[in-house]
Amino acid sequence: MARLRKLLMLKKELRQHIREIKRQFSQQQLEELSFPIIARLKSCLTNAKTILAYYSLPDEVDTRQLLDDLVAEGKTVLLPKVIDDENMEIRRYTGRQDLEEGILHLMEPIGEPFTDYEDIDIVVVPGLAFDAEGHRLGRGRGYYDRFLHRKNHPFCVGICFDFQKVAEVPVDEYDIPVDEVV
């Protein structure tokens, strides 16, 4: 129990540290810092047909234009939708008209749930911090870890700003690492 408390405290401290760094950047600066990251990510997505990504928050690597570009290329783009305190569904995204504000005030897709998980070629995962081993620190609710806890989850790419890459992310048995960090 003491180990779990210590781990939770380390995660909380790292989340706070990254949030403090993010506050030093304007929205425009973060958008500009996103361009080279998205360019590197695009090379990972070339052969993927079905991509699970996310619609970025203002303090995350900006994925909004990328999503529209992928749809224009004919790729199937999927986004998560939070349905309760523990679960998210996956839904198809065909454009910004598919979005509405969800229960956590995130922009989320409104279409029918997508359940053919084996068709997903790659998952683009946000995070507050990543380390060289692919360990990821999320926002603390565990949605992605629960979703990725499936036996045969697809290839996962974490994307973040350089200042979000840290020496070590504290992890527990439920944390699922990504395969690559861009």
C-alpha atoms as a PDB file:
ATOM      1  CA  MET A   1       0.000   0.000   0.000  1.00  0.00           C
ATOM      2  CA  ALA A   2       2.875   2.398   0.786  1.00  0.00           C
ATOM      3  CA  ARG A   3       4.431   1.641  -2.621  1.00  0.00           C
ATOM      4  CA  LEU A   4       1.148   2.509  -4.357  1.00  0.00           C
ATOM      5  CA  ARG A   5       0.856   5.796  -2.449  1.00  0.00           C
ATOM      6  CA  LYS A   6       4.437   6.691  -3.387  1.00  0.00           C
ATOM      7  CA  LEU A   7       3.793   5.840  -7.040  1.00  0.00           C
ATOM      8  CA  LEU A   8       0.638   7.965  -7.112  1.00  0.00           C
ATOM      9  CA  MET A   9       2.533  10.860  -5.530  1.00  0.00           C
ATOM     10  CA  LEU A  10       5.334  10.582  -8.114  1.00  0.00           C
ATOM     11  CA  LYS A  11       2.786  10.599 -10.941  1.00  0.00           C
ATOM     12  CA  LYS A  12       0.980  13.584  -9.436  1.00  0.00           C
ATOM     13  CA  GLU A  13       4.256  15.516  -9.097  1.00  0.00           C
ATOM     14  CA  LEU A  14       5.293  14.755 -12.685  1.00  0.00           C
ATOM     15  CA  ARG A  15       1.876  15.803 -14.004  1.00  0.00           C
ATOM     16  CA  GLN A  16       2.157  19.092 -12.120  1.00  0.00           C
ATOM     17  CA  HIS A  17       5.715  19.663 -13.377  1.00  0.00           C
ATOM     18  CA  ILE A  18       4.723  19.135 -17.029  1.00  0.00           C
ATOM     19  CA  ARG A  19       1.665  21.370 -16.651  1.00  0.00           C
ATOM     20  CA  GLU A  20       3.885  24.132 -15.261  1.00  0.00           C
ATOM     21  CA  ILE A  21       6.211  23.857 -18.254  1.00  0.00           C
ATOM     22  CA  LYS A  22       3.274  23.923 -20.679  1.00  0.00           C
ATOM     23  CA  ARG A  23       1.994  27.156 -19.131  1.00  0.00           C
ATOM     24  CA  GLN A  24       5.211  28.869 -20.259  1.00  0.00           C
ATOM     25  CA  PHE A  25       4.114  28.537 -23.905  1.00  0.00           C
ATOM     26  CA  SER A  26       1.400  30.482 -25.688  1.00  0.00           C
ATOM     27  CA  GLN A  27      -1.251  28.676 -27.709  1.00  0.00           C
ATOM     28  CA  GLN A  28       0.449  29.871 -30.901  1.00  0.00           C
ATOM     29  CA  GLN A  29       3.848  28.582 -29.740  1.00  0.00           C
ATOM     30  CA  LEU A  30       2.395  25.143 -28.993  1.00  0.00           C
ATOM     31  CA  GLU A  31       0.741  25.055 -32.420  1.00  0.00           C
ATOM     32  CA  GLU A  32       4.066  25.933 -34.062  1.00  0.00           C
ATOM     33  CA  LEU A  33       5.902  23.307 -32.012  1.00  0.00           C
ATOM     34  CA  SER A  34       3.328  20.781 -33.259  1.00  0.00           C
ATOM     35  CA  PHE A  35       4.276  21.076 -36.959  1.00  0.00           C
ATOM     36  CA  PRO A  36       7.529  19.021 -36.910  1.00  0.00           C
ATOM     37  CA  ILE A  37       5.961  16.427 -34.599  1.00  0.00           C
ATOM     38  CA  ILE A  38       2.989  15.968 -36.920  1.00  0.00           C
ATOM     39  CA  ALA A  39       5.365  15.733 -39.912  1.00  0.00           C
ATOM     40  CA  ARG A  40       7.258  12.886 -38.177  1.00  0.00           C
ATOM     41  CA  LEU A  41       3.976  11.218 -37.194  1.00  0.00           C
ATOM     42  CA  LYS A  42       2.700  11.307 -40.783  1.00  0.00           C
ATOM     43  CA  SER A  43       5.594   9.093 -41.867  1.00  0.00           C
ATOM     44  CA  CYS A  44       4.440   6.491 -39.299  1.00  0.00           C
ATOM     45  CA  LEU A  45       0.911   6.567 -40.728  1.00  0.00           C
ATOM     46  CA  THR A  46       1.739   6.106 -44.416  1.00  0.00           C
ATOM     47  CA  ASN A  47       0.732   2.439 -44.621  1.00  0.00           C
ATOM     48  CA  ALA A  48      -2.029   2.539 -42.025  1.00  0.00           C
ATOM     49  CA  LYS A  49      -5.602   2.321 -43.276  1.00  0.00           C
ATOM     50  CA  THR A  50      -7.444   2.614 -39.953  1.00  0.00           C
ATOM     51  CA  ILE A  51      -6.076   5.001 -37.351  1.00  0.00           C
ATOM     52  CA  LEU A  52      -7.285   5.639 -33.834  1.00  0.00           C
ATOM     53  CA  ALA A  53      -6.146   9.135 -32.860  1.00  0.00           C
ATOM     54  CA  TYR A  54      -7.411  11.936 -30.647  1.00  0.00           C
ATOM     55  CA  TYR A  55      -8.815  15.409 -31.149  1.00  0.00           C
ATOM     56  CA  SER A  56      -6.268  17.570 -29.390  1.00  0.00           C
ATOM     57  CA  LEU A  57      -6.802  19.774 -26.385  1.00  0.00           C
ATOM     58  CA  PRO A  58      -5.263  23.266 -26.550  1.00  0.00           C
ATOM     59  CA  ASP A  59      -2.194  22.148 -24.558  1.00  0.00           C
ATOM     60  CA  GLU A  60      -1.499  18.992 -26.623  1.00  0.00           C
ATOM     61  CA  VAL A  61       0.283  18.403 -29.912  1.00  0.00           C
ATOM     62  CA  ASP A  62      -2.234  19.809 -32.395  1.00  0.00           C
ATOM     63  CA  THR A  63      -3.825  16.932 -34.318  1.00  0.00           C
ATOM     64  CA  ARG A  64      -6.844  18.774 -35.740  1.00  0.00           C
ATOM     65  CA  GLN A  65      -5.559  19.406 -39.275  1.00  0.00           C
ATOM     66  CA  LEU A  66      -3.877  16.001 -39.393  1.00  0.00           C
ATOM     67  CA  LEU A  67      -7.213  14.280 -38.764  1.00  0.00           C
ATOM     68  CA  ASP A  68      -8.839  16.155 -41.643  1.00  0.00           C
ATOM     69  CA  ASP A  69      -5.868  15.395 -43.903  1.00  0.00           C
ATOM     70  CA  LEU A  70      -6.082  11.673 -43.101  1.00  0.00           C
ATOM     71  CA  VAL A  71      -9.810  11.629 -43.882  1.00  0.00           C
ATOM     72  CA  ALA A  72      -9.099  13.427 -47.182  1.00  0.00           C
ATOM     73  CA  GLU A  73      -6.535  10.713 -48.007  1.00  0.00           C
ATOM     74  CA  GLY A  74      -9.268   8.090 -47.640  1.00  0.00           C
ATOM     75  CA  LYS A  75      -8.092   6.646 -44.345  1.00  0.00           C
ATOM     76  CA  THR A  76     -10.538   5.556 -41.659  1.00  0.00           C
ATOM     77  CA  VAL A  77     -10.022   7.863 -38.698  1.00  0.00           C
ATOM     78  CA  LEU A  78     -11.347   6.915 -35.290  1.00  0.00           C
ATOM     79  CA  LEU A  79     -11.561   8.982 -32.129  1.00  0.00           C
ATOM     80  CA  PRO A  80     -12.355   8.064 -28.530  1.00  0.00           C
ATOM     81  CA  LYS A  81     -15.544   9.097 -26.778  1.00  0.00           C
ATOM     82  CA  VAL A  82     -15.699   8.971 -22.984  1.00  0.00           C
ATOM     83  CA  ILE A  83     -18.923   7.272 -21.942  1.00  0.00           C
ATOM     84  CA  ASP A  84     -18.504   7.130 -18.162  1.00  0.00           C
ATOM     85  CA  ASP A  85     -15.884   7.367 -15.400  1.00  0.00           C
ATOM     86  CA  GLU A  86     -14.015   4.283 -16.589  1.00  0.00           C
ATOM     87  CA  ASN A  87     -14.747   3.586 -20.243  1.00  0.00           C
ATOM     88  CA  MET A  88     -14.387   5.069 -23.668  1.00  0.00           C
ATOM     89  CA  GLU A  89     -15.849   3.999 -26.988  1.00  0.00           C
ATOM     90  CA  ILE A  90     -14.280   4.380 -30.379  1.00  0.00           C
ATOM     91  CA  ARG A  91     -16.210   6.224 -33.090  1.00  0.00           C
ATOM     92  CA  ARG A  92     -15.550   7.165 -36.687  1.00  0.00           C
ATOM     93  CA  TYR A  93     -14.497  10.710 -37.576  1.00  0.00           C
ATOM     94  CA  THR A  94     -15.240  12.103 -41.037  1.00  0.00           C
ATOM     95  CA  GLY A  95     -14.899  15.807 -40.274  1.00  0.00           C
ATOM     96  CA  ARG A  96     -15.378  18.461 -37.646  1.00  0.00           C
ATOM     97  CA  GLN A  97     -19.137  18.277 -38.105  1.00  0.00           C
ATOM     98  CA  ASP A  98     -18.890  14.880 -36.340  1.00  0.00           C
ATOM     99  CA  LEU A  99     -17.822  16.472 -33.056  1.00  0.00           C
ATOM    100  CA  GLU A 100     -19.600  17.716 -29.973  1.00  0.00           C
ATOM    101  CA  GLU A 101     -18.477  18.497 -26.461  1.00  0.00           C
ATOM    102  CA  GLY A 102     -18.458  15.364 -24.307  1.00  0.00           C
ATOM    103  CA  ILE A 103     -18.845  14.758 -20.586  1.00  0.00           C
ATOM    104  CA  LEU A 104     -15.241  15.784 -19.842  1.00  0.00           C
ATOM    105  CA  HIS A 105     -15.562  18.887 -22.053  1.00  0.00           C
ATOM    106  CA  LEU A 106     -13.496  17.237 -24.795  1.00  0.00           C
ATOM    107  CA  MET A 107     -14.500  17.416 -28.429  1.00  0.00           C
ATOM    108  CA  GLU A 108     -15.685  13.898 -29.231  1.00  0.00           C
ATOM    109  CA  PRO A 109     -17.281  12.079 -32.170  1.00  0.00           C
ATOM    110  CA  ILE A 110     -21.054  11.596 -32.258  1.00  0.00           C
ATOM    111  CA  GLY A 111     -21.296   8.690 -34.700  1.00  0.00           C
ATOM    112  CA  GLU A 112     -21.988   5.033 -34.033  1.00  0.00           C
ATOM    113  CA  PRO A 113     -19.480   3.033 -31.960  1.00  0.00           C
ATOM    114  CA  PHE A 114     -16.706   1.281 -33.916  1.00  0.00           C
ATOM    115  CA  THR A 115     -16.108  -2.218 -32.580  1.00  0.00           C
ATOM    116  CA  ASP A 116     -13.890  -3.877 -35.210  1.00  0.00           C
ATOM    117  CA  TYR A 117     -10.806  -3.306 -33.070  1.00  0.00           C
ATOM    118  CA  GLU A 118      -8.765  -5.831 -35.040  1.00  0.00           C
ATOM    119  CA  ASP A 119      -9.033  -3.486 -38.053  1.00  0.00           C
ATOM    120  CA  ILE A 120      -7.157  -0.687 -36.261  1.00  0.00           C
ATOM    121  CA  ASP A 121      -3.640  -0.479 -37.686  1.00  0.00           C
ATOM    122  CA  ILE A 122      -2.194   2.149 -35.374  1.00  0.00           C
ATOM    123  CA  VAL A 123      -3.164   4.108 -32.274  1.00  0.00           C
ATOM    124  CA  VAL A 124      -1.892   7.655 -31.755  1.00  0.00           C
ATOM    125  CA  VAL A 125      -1.825   8.231 -28.011  1.00  0.00           C
ATOM    126  CA  PRO A 126      -1.533  11.545 -26.174  1.00  0.00           C
ATOM    127  CA  GLY A 127       0.286  11.836 -22.881  1.00  0.00           C
ATOM    128  CA  LEU A 128       1.653  14.321 -20.400  1.00  0.00           C
ATOM    129  CA  ALA A 129       5.038  12.594 -20.341  1.00  0.00           C
ATOM    130  CA  PHE A 130       6.851   9.721 -22.045  1.00  0.00           C
ATOM    131  CA  ASP A 131      10.182   8.050 -21.401  1.00  0.00           C
ATOM    132  CA  ALA A 132      12.556   6.224 -23.777  1.00  0.00           C
ATOM    133  CA  GLU A 133      10.986   2.872 -22.846  1.00  0.00           C
ATOM    134  CA  GLY A 134       7.592   4.049 -24.114  1.00  0.00           C
ATOM    135  CA  HIS A 135       6.109   4.421 -20.650  1.00  0.00           C
ATOM    136  CA  ARG A 136       3.370   7.017 -20.687  1.00  0.00           C
ATOM    137  CA  LEU A 137       1.920   9.310 -18.088  1.00  0.00           C
ATOM    138  CA  GLY A 138      -1.626  10.224 -18.988  1.00  0.00           C
ATOM    139  CA  ARG A 139      -3.993  12.627 -17.317  1.00  0.00           C
ATOM    140  CA  GLY A 140      -4.764  10.081 -14.610  1.00  0.00           C
ATOM    141  CA  ARG A 141      -8.070   8.515 -15.521  1.00  0.00           C
ATOM    142  CA  GLY A 142      -6.699   5.375 -17.221  1.00  0.00           C
ATOM    143  CA  TYR A 143      -8.972   5.345 -20.287  1.00  0.00           C
ATOM    144  CA  TYR A 144      -6.235   4.494 -22.775  1.00  0.00           C
ATOM    145  CA  ASP A 145      -4.599   1.912 -20.513  1.00  0.00           C
ATOM    146  CA  ARG A 146      -7.908   0.077 -20.068  1.00  0.00           C
ATOM    147  CA  PHE A 147      -8.598   0.225 -23.800  1.00  0.00           C
ATOM    148  CA  LEU A 148      -5.087  -0.961 -24.724  1.00  0.00           C
ATOM    149  CA  HIS A 149      -5.116  -3.733 -22.131  1.00  0.00           C
ATOM    150  CA  ARG A 150      -6.548  -6.035 -24.786  1.00  0.00           C
ATOM    151  CA  LYS A 151      -4.347  -8.970 -25.790  1.00  0.00           C
ATOM    152  CA  ASN A 152      -3.648  -7.897 -29.344  1.00  0.00           C
ATOM    153  CA  HIS A 153      -3.707  -4.141 -29.265  1.00  0.00           C
ATOM    154  CA  PRO A 154      -2.379  -2.408 -32.379  1.00  0.00           C
ATOM    155  CA  PHE A 155       0.925  -0.581 -32.766  1.00  0.00           C
ATOM    156  CA  CYS A 156       0.857   2.504 -30.532  1.00  0.00           C
ATOM    157  CA  VAL A 157       2.623   5.797 -31.142  1.00  0.00           C
ATOM    158  CA  GLY A 158       2.828   8.381 -28.399  1.00  0.00           C
ATOM    159  CA  ILE A 159       3.183  11.983 -29.448  1.00  0.00           C
ATOM    160  CA  CYS A 160       4.381  14.837 -27.304  1.00  0.00           C
ATOM    161  CA  PHE A 161       6.464  17.975 -27.240  1.00  0.00           C
ATOM    162  CA  ASP A 162      10.184  17.497 -26.546  1.00  0.00           C
ATOM    163  CA  PHE A 163       9.820  18.972 -23.055  1.00  0.00           C
ATOM    164  CA  GLN A 164       7.408  16.120 -22.252  1.00  0.00           C
ATOM    165  CA  LYS A 165      10.105  13.485 -22.786  1.00  0.00           C
ATOM    166  CA  VAL A 166      11.505  12.571 -19.390  1.00  0.00           C
ATOM    167  CA  ALA A 167      14.146  10.189 -18.049  1.00  0.00           C
ATOM    168  CA  GLU A 168      11.609   7.953 -16.331  1.00  0.00           C
ATOM    169  CA  VAL A 169       7.849   7.778 -16.041  1.00  0.00           C
ATOM    170  CA  PRO A 170       6.627   6.055 -12.860  1.00  0.00           C
ATOM    171  CA  VAL A 171       4.570   3.013 -13.856  1.00  0.00           C
ATOM    172  CA  ASP A 172       2.465   0.308 -12.309  1.00  0.00           C
ATOM    173  CA  GLU A 173       1.145  -3.008 -13.588  1.00  0.00           C
ATOM    174  CA  TYR A 174      -1.818  -1.374 -15.335  1.00  0.00           C
ATOM    175  CA  ASP A 175       0.196   1.116 -17.395  1.00  0.00           C
ATOM    176  CA  ILE A 176       0.567   0.097 -21.039  1.00  0.00           C
ATOM    177  CA  PRO A 177       3.674   1.410 -22.836  1.00  0.00           C
ATOM    178  CA  VAL A 178       3.563   2.721 -26.394  1.00  0.00           C
ATOM    179  CA  ASP A 179       5.689   1.144 -29.117  1.00  0.00           C
ATOM    180  CA  GLU A 180       7.223   4.410 -30.304  1.00  0.00           C
ATOM    181  CA  VAL A 181       7.347   8.032 -29.158  1.00  0.00           C
ATOM    182  CA  VAL A 182       7.400  10.781 -31.788  1.00  0.00           C
END
